[in-house]
């Protein structure tokens, strides 16, 4: 029975060719599943409004966007990431609701995208339609299988993540105020590539650029904790949980690099929020939500636009100076040749005139 449900899930996400094979491996490999069944996530249990709520935390890695020129290490890493994603997808039927670490706008976008692709109701031009489909698949290739599985099983999903523009604004503010950390981050990127890819590079990132690390990882994890608190606190009013049983089992899925910081926050602070019956901290969430992109615009201008314009401007000046120098050298060469030719003609003329003078005397 369970295998049939997993098989239907595999058929439901077969359109995504990038990871369909890995999903089938993850769903059918008992050896692999047994290796990740224990200790792969933290489970937190709280009591609120007479209900026992169990929250399991999972981390899913972003899938690689490269299709060609992959090294053996990158291929192994991608297969491992696909296996992790497929296993998380296979675990969704156990839960009453799925909490995803994406924002409300992102979830709305993905819902519309799935509705249109499933109903084949894409009214845009073919080129635009293809571009949008490829863009969404690349950006959210680790989220789309989760949503498709939850939709196929009629499991509710909740957005608990921070807006992307808030993350960009927080990163820009930290980078502008800590340029030395930005340089360290740039050097770490040149050395390792994606600084969020595994625990080792994350640890190096946190040590070399602690302020920027906090803006990207710790603030996002803290925001997710506050959003979870807000959703669970209003559990009586939520239409998602009204029809559920007294004991709720929730699955929280976030990006892999947020998992460690989020688990630390949940273990240290989350039970206390419900023990003391604290109301949701809306002020803290507003501080973490950045409504403007002023710092991001400044960052783009200072570190992308201005250096690019300065480089090409300097290159144009060097090219102009070189062309002027070449033209000047050619003029000098022509003038020297002309002067030499005139001098030679004058000498020849002098000797001719002197020869005529000698003949007239004779």
Protein backbone atom coordinates (compact mmCIF):
# COMPACT_ATOMS: atom_id res chain seq x y z
CA UNK A 1 0.00 0.00 0.00
CA UNK A 2 2.74 2.40 1.00
CA UNK A 3 4.79 1.41 -2.02
CA UNK A 4 1.81 2.21 -4.29
CA UNK A 5 1.46 5.65 -2.74
CA UNK A 6 5.16 6.27 -3.29
CA UNK A 7 4.86 4.99 -6.85
CA UNK A 8 2.01 7.39 -7.58
CA UNK A 9 4.09 10.17 -6.10
CA UNK A 10 6.94 9.26 -8.41
CA UNK A 11 4.62 9.39 -11.42
CA UNK A 12 3.27 12.74 -10.25
CA UNK A 13 6.69 14.37 -10.39
CA UNK A 14 8.03 12.59 -13.45
CA UNK A 15 7.89 15.77 -15.54
CA UNK A 16 10.91 17.11 -13.76
CA UNK A 17 13.54 15.17 -15.69
CA UNK A 18 16.41 16.61 -13.70
CA UNK A 19 15.67 14.57 -10.63
CA UNK A 20 13.07 11.94 -11.57
CA UNK A 21 15.59 9.10 -11.69
CA UNK A 22 17.03 10.00 -8.31
CA UNK A 23 13.53 10.21 -6.84
CA UNK A 24 12.75 6.67 -7.95
CA UNK A 25 16.02 5.48 -6.41
CA UNK A 26 15.23 7.25 -3.15
CA UNK A 27 11.69 5.88 -2.98
CA UNK A 28 12.60 2.27 -3.72
CA UNK A 29 15.95 1.87 -1.96
CA UNK A 30 15.36 0.43 1.53
CA UNK A 31 19.06 0.39 2.25
CA UNK A 32 19.38 4.13 1.63
CA UNK A 33 16.21 4.99 3.59
CA UNK A 34 17.32 2.95 6.59
CA UNK A 35 20.57 4.91 6.59
CA UNK A 36 18.73 8.20 6.98
CA UNK A 37 15.75 7.14 9.08
CA UNK A 38 17.36 7.84 12.45
CA UNK A 39 19.04 11.03 13.56
CA UNK A 40 18.46 12.84 10.25
CA UNK A 41 16.23 15.52 11.75
CA UNK A 42 15.36 16.95 15.15
CA UNK A 43 11.92 16.41 16.57
CA UNK A 44 10.41 19.02 18.90
CA UNK A 45 7.17 18.44 20.79
CA UNK A 46 5.12 21.24 22.35
CA UNK A 47 1.68 21.54 23.92
CA UNK A 48 -0.63 24.39 23.02
CA UNK A 49 -4.40 24.84 23.42
CA UNK A 50 -4.85 21.27 24.56
CA UNK A 51 -3.03 19.84 21.56
CA UNK A 52 0.24 17.98 21.34
CA UNK A 53 2.20 19.29 18.35
CA UNK A 54 5.27 17.47 17.05
CA UNK A 55 7.53 19.36 14.67
CA UNK A 56 10.16 17.56 12.59
CA UNK A 57 12.83 19.66 10.90
CA UNK A 58 14.28 18.70 7.55
CA UNK A 59 16.85 20.35 5.34
CA UNK A 60 16.85 20.05 1.55
CA UNK A 61 19.81 21.22 -0.55
CA UNK A 62 19.55 23.30 -3.66
CA UNK A 63 20.03 21.30 -6.82
CA UNK A 64 22.84 22.10 -9.21
CA UNK A 65 22.00 24.25 -12.24
CA UNK A 66 24.95 23.05 -14.32
CA UNK A 67 24.31 20.44 -17.00
CA UNK A 68 27.70 20.22 -18.66
CA UNK A 69 31.39 20.08 -17.66
CA UNK A 70 30.71 18.54 -14.25
CA UNK A 71 33.52 17.08 -12.19
CA UNK A 72 33.25 13.71 -10.50
CA UNK A 73 32.88 15.41 -7.11
CA UNK A 74 30.04 17.62 -8.33
CA UNK A 75 28.26 14.60 -9.82
CA UNK A 76 28.52 12.69 -6.54
CA UNK A 77 27.33 15.74 -4.60
CA UNK A 78 24.37 16.20 -6.93
CA UNK A 79 23.36 12.55 -6.61
CA UNK A 80 23.58 12.83 -2.83
CA UNK A 81 21.42 15.96 -2.87
CA UNK A 82 18.86 14.28 -5.11
CA UNK A 83 18.71 11.32 -2.74
CA UNK A 84 18.13 13.62 0.23
CA UNK A 85 15.36 15.43 -1.60
CA UNK A 86 13.68 12.21 -2.71
CA UNK A 87 13.71 10.86 0.83
CA UNK A 88 12.11 14.03 2.24
CA UNK A 89 9.43 13.78 -0.45
CA UNK A 90 8.75 10.15 0.50
CA UNK A 91 8.23 11.15 4.14
CA UNK A 92 5.52 13.76 3.45
CA UNK A 93 2.53 11.32 3.65
CA UNK A 94 3.24 10.80 7.36
CA UNK A 95 2.42 14.39 8.32
CA UNK A 96 -0.68 16.50 8.82
CA UNK A 97 0.80 19.65 7.28
CA UNK A 98 3.93 20.79 5.48
CA UNK A 99 5.70 23.99 6.54
CA UNK A 100 8.08 25.27 3.85
CA UNK A 101 10.80 27.86 4.31
CA UNK A 102 9.71 30.10 1.44
CA UNK A 103 7.84 33.39 1.50
CA UNK A 104 4.16 34.01 0.84
CA UNK A 105 4.85 35.56 -2.57
CA UNK A 106 7.05 32.65 -3.62
CA UNK A 107 4.44 30.12 -2.55
CA UNK A 108 1.76 32.01 -4.49
CA UNK A 109 4.00 32.03 -7.57
CA UNK A 110 4.64 28.29 -7.35
CA UNK A 111 0.95 27.57 -6.83
CA UNK A 112 0.04 29.50 -9.96
CA UNK A 113 2.83 27.81 -11.87
CA UNK A 114 1.70 24.32 -10.82
CA UNK A 115 -1.93 25.13 -11.60
CA UNK A 116 -1.04 26.29 -15.10
CA UNK A 117 1.33 23.44 -15.87
CA UNK A 118 -1.07 20.79 -14.58
CA UNK A 119 -4.01 22.30 -16.48
CA UNK A 120 -1.84 23.20 -19.50
CA UNK A 121 -3.26 26.70 -19.37
CA UNK A 122 -0.18 28.74 -20.20
CA UNK A 123 -1.43 31.58 -22.39
CA UNK A 124 1.87 33.37 -22.96
CA UNK A 125 4.01 33.11 -26.07
CA UNK A 126 6.05 29.97 -26.49
CA UNK A 127 9.41 31.62 -25.93
CA UNK A 128 8.26 33.48 -22.81
CA UNK A 129 6.52 30.35 -21.53
CA UNK A 130 9.65 28.27 -22.00
CA UNK A 131 11.84 30.88 -20.33
CA UNK A 132 9.54 31.14 -17.31
CA UNK A 133 9.32 27.38 -16.95
CA UNK A 134 13.08 26.92 -17.08
CA UNK A 135 13.66 29.80 -14.68
CA UNK A 136 11.21 28.50 -12.07
CA UNK A 137 12.50 24.94 -12.36
CA UNK A 138 16.07 26.08 -11.79
CA UNK A 139 15.26 28.40 -8.90
CA UNK A 140 12.82 26.12 -7.06
CA UNK A 141 13.79 22.65 -8.25
CA UNK A 142 14.17 21.53 -4.61
CA UNK A 143 10.75 22.92 -3.58
CA UNK A 144 8.49 21.92 -6.48
CA UNK A 145 8.53 18.14 -5.72
CA UNK A 146 7.49 18.86 -2.12
CA UNK A 147 4.53 20.95 -3.24
CA UNK A 148 3.46 18.45 -5.88
CA UNK A 149 3.53 15.62 -3.36
CA UNK A 150 1.54 17.60 -0.78
CA UNK A 151 -1.03 18.63 -3.41
CA UNK A 152 -1.46 15.07 -4.67
CA UNK A 153 -2.11 13.84 -1.10
CA UNK A 154 -4.28 16.86 -0.12
CA UNK A 155 -1.82 17.85 2.60
CA UNK A 156 -1.86 21.53 3.52
CA UNK A 157 1.35 23.52 3.22
CA UNK A 158 2.28 26.75 4.98
CA UNK A 159 4.85 29.38 4.05
CA UNK A 160 7.15 30.34 6.93
CA UNK A 161 10.14 31.80 5.07
CA UNK A 162 11.47 35.31 4.64
CA UNK A 163 11.10 37.33 1.45
CA UNK A 164 14.05 37.24 -0.93
CA UNK A 165 14.31 41.03 -1.05
CA UNK A 166 14.56 41.06 2.76
CA UNK A 167 17.50 38.66 2.58
CA UNK A 168 19.17 40.78 -0.10
CA UNK A 169 18.69 43.95 1.92
CA UNK A 170 20.08 42.35 5.09
CA UNK A 171 23.10 41.00 3.20
CA UNK A 172 23.75 44.38 1.56
CA UNK A 173 23.59 46.24 4.86
CA UNK A 174 26.04 43.82 6.48
CA UNK A 175 28.39 43.90 3.48
CA UNK A 176 28.45 47.71 3.23
CA UNK A 177 29.25 48.05 6.93
CA UNK A 178 31.86 45.27 6.94
CA UNK A 179 33.93 45.52 3.78
CA UNK A 180 36.73 43.41 5.23
CA UNK A 181 34.27 40.56 5.81
CA UNK A 182 33.03 41.01 2.25
CA UNK A 183 36.59 40.58 0.98
CA UNK A 184 37.01 37.45 3.11
CA UNK A 185 33.74 36.11 1.73
CA UNK A 186 34.88 36.81 -1.83
CA UNK A 187 38.15 34.95 -1.25
CA UNK A 188 36.26 32.04 0.30
CA UNK A 189 33.97 31.96 -2.73
CA UNK A 190 36.95 31.86 -5.09
CA UNK A 191 38.38 28.97 -3.10
CA UNK A 192 35.26 26.83 -2.54
CA UNK A 193 32.57 28.13 -4.87
CA UNK A 194 29.17 28.02 -3.16
CA UNK A 195 29.82 28.93 0.49
CA UNK A 196 26.47 27.43 1.56
CA UNK A 197 26.98 24.00 0.05
CA UNK A 198 28.04 22.00 3.13
CA UNK A 199 28.81 22.24 6.83
CA UNK A 200 32.54 22.75 6.37
CA UNK A 201 32.23 25.80 4.14
CA UNK A 202 29.43 27.15 6.34
CA UNK A 203 31.74 26.96 9.36
CA UNK A 204 34.50 28.76 7.47
CA UNK A 205 31.95 31.35 6.34
CA UNK A 206 30.76 31.96 9.91
CA UNK A 207 34.34 32.42 11.13
CA UNK A 208 35.62 34.64 8.32
CA UNK A 209 32.49 36.80 7.90
CA UNK A 210 30.36 36.51 11.06
CA UNK A 211 28.20 39.60 10.44
CA UNK A 212 27.35 38.64 6.86
CA UNK A 213 26.76 35.05 7.97
CA UNK A 214 24.31 36.28 10.59
CA UNK A 215 22.40 38.35 8.02
CA UNK A 216 22.04 35.38 5.65
CA UNK A 217 21.63 32.39 7.96
CA UNK A 218 20.82 33.34 11.54
CA UNK A 219 18.32 36.09 10.75
CA UNK A 220 16.46 33.86 8.29
CA UNK A 221 16.34 31.02 10.83
CA UNK A 222 15.07 33.40 13.52
CA UNK A 223 12.35 34.70 11.20
CA UNK A 224 11.18 31.14 10.44
CA UNK A 225 10.94 30.43 14.17
CA UNK A 226 8.78 33.52 14.73
CA UNK A 227 6.54 32.61 11.78
CA UNK A 228 6.07 29.10 13.14
CA UNK A 229 5.20 30.53 16.53
CA UNK A 230 2.65 32.82 14.90
CA UNK A 231 1.01 29.99 12.92
CA UNK A 232 0.82 27.57 15.84
CA UNK A 233 -0.32 30.26 18.28
CA UNK A 234 -3.38 30.93 16.08
CA UNK A 235 -4.12 27.24 15.70
CA UNK A 236 -7.74 27.59 16.82
CA UNK A 237 -8.48 30.14 14.12
CA UNK A 238 -6.50 28.43 11.39
CA UNK A 239 -8.70 26.59 8.86
CA UNK A 240 -5.78 24.28 8.14
CA UNK A 241 -5.79 22.68 11.60
CA UNK A 242 -9.49 22.80 12.51
CA UNK A 243 -10.28 19.48 10.86
CA UNK A 244 -7.16 17.75 12.16
CA UNK A 245 -6.87 15.43 15.12
CA UNK A 246 -5.86 16.49 18.59
CA UNK A 247 -2.26 15.44 18.05
CA UNK A 248 -0.59 17.19 15.12
CA UNK A 249 2.51 16.05 13.29
CA UNK A 250 4.12 18.84 11.26
CA UNK A 251 7.03 18.66 8.84
CA UNK A 252 9.21 21.75 8.52
CA UNK A 253 11.39 21.80 5.40
CA UNK A 254 14.01 24.52 4.98
CA UNK A 255 17.10 24.94 2.86
CA UNK A 256 20.03 22.86 4.04
CA UNK A 257 22.20 25.79 5.15
CA UNK A 258 19.47 27.07 7.51
CA UNK A 259 18.84 23.77 9.26
CA UNK A 260 21.59 23.95 11.89
CA UNK A 261 20.86 27.51 13.02
CA UNK A 262 17.11 26.87 13.00
CA UNK A 263 17.38 23.73 15.14
CA UNK A 264 19.50 25.63 17.66
CA UNK A 265 16.89 28.41 17.88
CA UNK A 266 14.00 25.96 18.14
CA UNK A 267 15.63 23.93 20.91
CA UNK A 268 16.67 27.00 22.89
CA UNK A 269 13.68 29.33 22.47
CA UNK A 270 10.68 27.66 20.88
CA UNK A 271 9.33 25.62 23.84
CA UNK A 272 9.72 28.62 26.15
CA UNK A 273 7.50 30.73 23.90
CA UNK A 274 4.59 28.35 24.45
CA UNK A 275 5.45 27.57 28.06
CA UNK A 276 5.12 31.26 28.98
CA UNK A 277 2.22 31.70 26.53
CA UNK A 278 3.95 34.55 24.74
CA UNK A 279 2.08 36.25 21.93
CA UNK A 280 3.78 36.31 18.50
CA UNK A 281 6.54 38.90 18.37
CA UNK A 282 5.37 40.96 15.40
CA UNK A 283 7.96 43.67 16.09
CA UNK A 284 10.82 41.20 15.72
CA UNK A 285 9.36 39.93 12.45
CA UNK A 286 8.99 43.48 11.12
CA UNK A 287 12.62 44.20 11.98
CA UNK A 288 13.68 41.11 10.05
CA UNK A 289 11.43 42.04 7.12
CA UNK A 290 13.08 44.73 5.00
CA UNK A 291 10.53 46.68 2.97
CA UNK A 292 13.01 48.71 0.92
CA UNK A 293 16.01 47.86 -1.21
CA UNK A 294 18.05 51.00 -0.54
CA UNK A 295 21.12 49.15 0.74
CA UNK A 296 20.89 46.59 -2.04
CA UNK A 297 20.81 49.36 -4.66
CA UNK A 298 23.80 51.00 -3.01
CA UNK A 299 25.64 47.67 -2.89
CA UNK A 300 24.97 46.99 -6.57
CA UNK A 301 26.20 50.47 -7.51
CA UNK A 302 29.32 50.40 -5.32
CA UNK A 303 30.48 46.84 -6.00
CA UNK A 304 29.03 46.01 -9.43
CA UNK A 305 28.07 49.04 -11.52
CA UNK A 306 30.83 51.45 -10.50
CA UNK A 307 33.71 48.92 -10.79
CA UNK A 308 32.39 47.78 -14.18
CA UNK A 309 32.08 51.35 -15.50
CA UNK A 310 35.49 52.25 -14.05
CA UNK A 311 37.13 49.21 -15.63
CA UNK A 312 35.71 49.80 -19.09
CA UNK A 313 36.38 53.54 -18.78
CA UNK A 314 40.00 52.87 -17.88
CA UNK A 315 40.27 50.35 -20.70
CA UNK A 316 38.85 52.92 -23.15
CA UNK A 317 41.35 55.55 -21.97
CA UNK A 318 44.26 53.14 -22.34
CA UNK A 319 43.07 52.18 -25.82
CA UNK A 320 42.68 55.83 -26.81
CA UNK A 321 46.13 56.72 -25.45
CA UNK A 322 47.65 53.77 -27.31
CA UNK A 323 45.98 54.77 -30.59
CA UNK A 324 47.15 58.39 -30.15
CA UNK A 325 50.69 57.18 -29.46
CA UNK A 326 50.65 54.97 -32.55
CA UNK A 327 49.34 57.87 -34.67
CA UNK A 328 52.02 60.20 -33.28
CA UNK A 329 54.77 57.68 -33.94
CA UNK A 330 53.55 57.24 -37.50
CA UNK A 331 53.50 61.03 -38.02
CA UNK A 332 57.03 61.33 -36.67
CA UNK A 333 58.16 58.50 -38.93
CA UNK A 334 56.53 60.14 -41.96
CA UNK A 335 58.00 63.55 -41.12
CA UNK A 336 61.46 62.02 -40.65
CA UNK A 337 61.22 60.25 -43.99
CA UNK A 338 60.06 63.46 -45.64
CA UNK A 339 62.92 65.47 -44.10
CA UNK A 340 65.45 62.85 -45.16
CA UNK A 341 64.07 62.89 -48.68
CA UNK A 342 64.23 66.70 -48.88
CA UNK A 343 67.77 66.71 -47.54
CA UNK A 344 68.82 64.12 -50.07
CA UNK A 345 67.27 66.12 -52.91
CA UNK A 346 69.04 69.26 -51.74
CA UNK A 347 72.39 67.47 -51.72
CA UNK A 348 71.79 66.06 -55.19
CA UNK A 349 70.76 69.48 -56.43
CA UNK A 350 73.85 71.06 -54.89
CA UNK A 351 76.16 68.61 -56.60
CA UNK A 352 74.40 69.12 -59.92
CA UNK A 353 74.67 72.88 -59.63
CA UNK A 354 78.32 72.66 -58.65
CA UNK A 355 79.02 70.44 -61.67
CA UNK A 356 77.35 72.94 -64.03
CA UNK A 357 79.37 75.77 -62.51
CA UNK A 358 82.64 73.93 -63.11
CA UNK A 359 81.74 73.19 -66.73
CA UNK A 360 80.88 76.85 -67.42
CA UNK A 361 84.27 77.95 -66.10
CA UNK A 362 86.03 75.60 -68.40
